[in-house]
Protein backbone atom coordinates (compact mmCIF):
# COMPACT_ATOMS: atom_id res chain seq x y z
CA MET A 1 3.60 -4.67 6.67
CA THR A 2 2.44 -6.10 3.37
CA ASN A 3 0.78 -9.47 2.96
CA PHE A 4 1.42 -10.75 -0.58
CA ALA A 5 -0.66 -13.93 -0.31
CA GLY A 6 -3.50 -12.21 1.57
CA ASP A 7 -3.66 -9.15 -0.70
CA ALA A 8 -3.62 -6.83 2.32
CA ILE A 9 -1.64 -4.36 4.39
CA THR A 10 -1.55 -4.91 8.13
CA VAL A 11 -1.17 -1.70 10.12
CA VAL A 12 0.74 -2.30 13.35
CA ASP A 13 0.82 0.04 16.36
CA VAL A 14 4.58 0.15 16.92
CA PRO A 15 4.64 0.96 20.65
CA THR A 16 2.35 -1.97 21.51
CA LEU A 17 3.18 -4.23 18.53
CA LYS A 18 -0.54 -4.91 18.14
CA ILE A 19 -2.47 -4.97 14.88
CA ASP A 20 -4.36 -1.70 14.49
CA THR A 21 -6.22 -2.44 11.27
CA THR A 22 -5.99 -4.27 7.95
CA ILE A 23 -6.43 -2.62 4.57
CA THR A 24 -7.63 -4.98 1.84
CA GLY A 25 -8.32 -4.86 -1.89
CA PHE A 26 -4.83 -5.29 -3.31
CA SER A 27 -3.56 -7.81 -5.87
CA LYS A 28 -0.27 -9.50 -4.99
CA ILE A 29 1.02 -6.44 -3.16
CA ARG A 30 4.83 -6.17 -3.26
CA ALA A 31 5.83 -2.88 -1.64
CA ILE A 32 4.51 0.36 -0.21
CA SER A 33 5.58 3.99 0.12
CA ILE A 34 3.97 6.65 2.28
CA THR A 35 4.00 10.37 1.57
CA LYS A 36 6.00 12.66 3.84
CA ASP A 37 2.83 14.04 5.44
CA GLY A 38 1.62 10.51 6.24
CA GLN A 39 -1.69 11.01 4.45
CA THR A 40 -1.30 8.82 1.35
CA LEU A 41 0.08 5.36 0.76
CA PHE A 42 1.11 3.94 -2.63
CA ALA A 43 1.13 0.16 -3.06
CA ALA A 44 2.65 -1.84 -5.93
CA ASN A 45 0.17 -4.50 -7.12
CA SER A 46 2.07 -7.05 -9.20
CA GLY A 47 -1.11 -9.07 -9.74
CA SER A 48 -2.88 -6.25 -11.58
CA ASN A 49 0.08 -4.26 -12.96
CA SER A 50 -1.01 -1.22 -11.01
CA MET A 51 -0.24 1.15 -8.18
CA ALA A 52 -2.98 1.59 -5.56
CA VAL A 53 -3.42 4.99 -3.94
CA VAL A 54 -4.75 4.71 -0.37
CA LYS A 55 -5.97 7.62 1.72
CA LEU A 56 -4.73 6.65 5.17
CA ASN A 57 -7.35 8.65 7.08
CA THR A 58 -10.02 6.34 5.64
CA GLY A 59 -8.00 3.21 4.82
CA ILE A 60 -9.75 3.06 1.45
CA ILE A 61 -8.14 2.66 -1.97
CA ALA A 62 -8.97 5.99 -3.63
CA LYS A 63 -7.78 4.96 -7.09
CA THR A 64 -5.46 2.68 -9.01
CA ILE A 65 -2.91 3.71 -11.61
CA SER A 66 -1.86 1.37 -14.42
CA VAL A 67 1.91 0.84 -14.52
CA GLY A 68 4.33 -1.58 -16.17
CA LYS A 69 4.26 -5.36 -15.85
CA ASP A 70 4.72 -6.87 -12.37
CA PRO A 71 5.67 -3.80 -10.32
CA TYR A 72 7.89 -4.82 -7.40
CA GLY A 73 8.25 -1.49 -5.63
CA CYS A 74 7.33 2.13 -5.45
CA ILE A 75 9.21 5.24 -4.49
CA ILE A 76 8.22 8.79 -3.68
CA ILE A 77 10.69 11.54 -4.49
CA PHE A 78 10.48 14.75 -2.48
CA GLY A 79 11.78 17.87 -4.17
């Protein structure tokens, strides 16, 4: 789940409903999308007009991509 005010993503273990980890370093995060293989997460940062690319095996933001003003979502299209 995203945490807009806390600039973080909280990863929850669904079977136990316990917090697994927290990924930080975002700026007013609005929405996330995860690739089909579950390896990469994209997060819309409305506070910095960017999309963060997170490698889920490390939980680290690998890079940020500048996008339009105040992104509110992100989508991944599989061909």
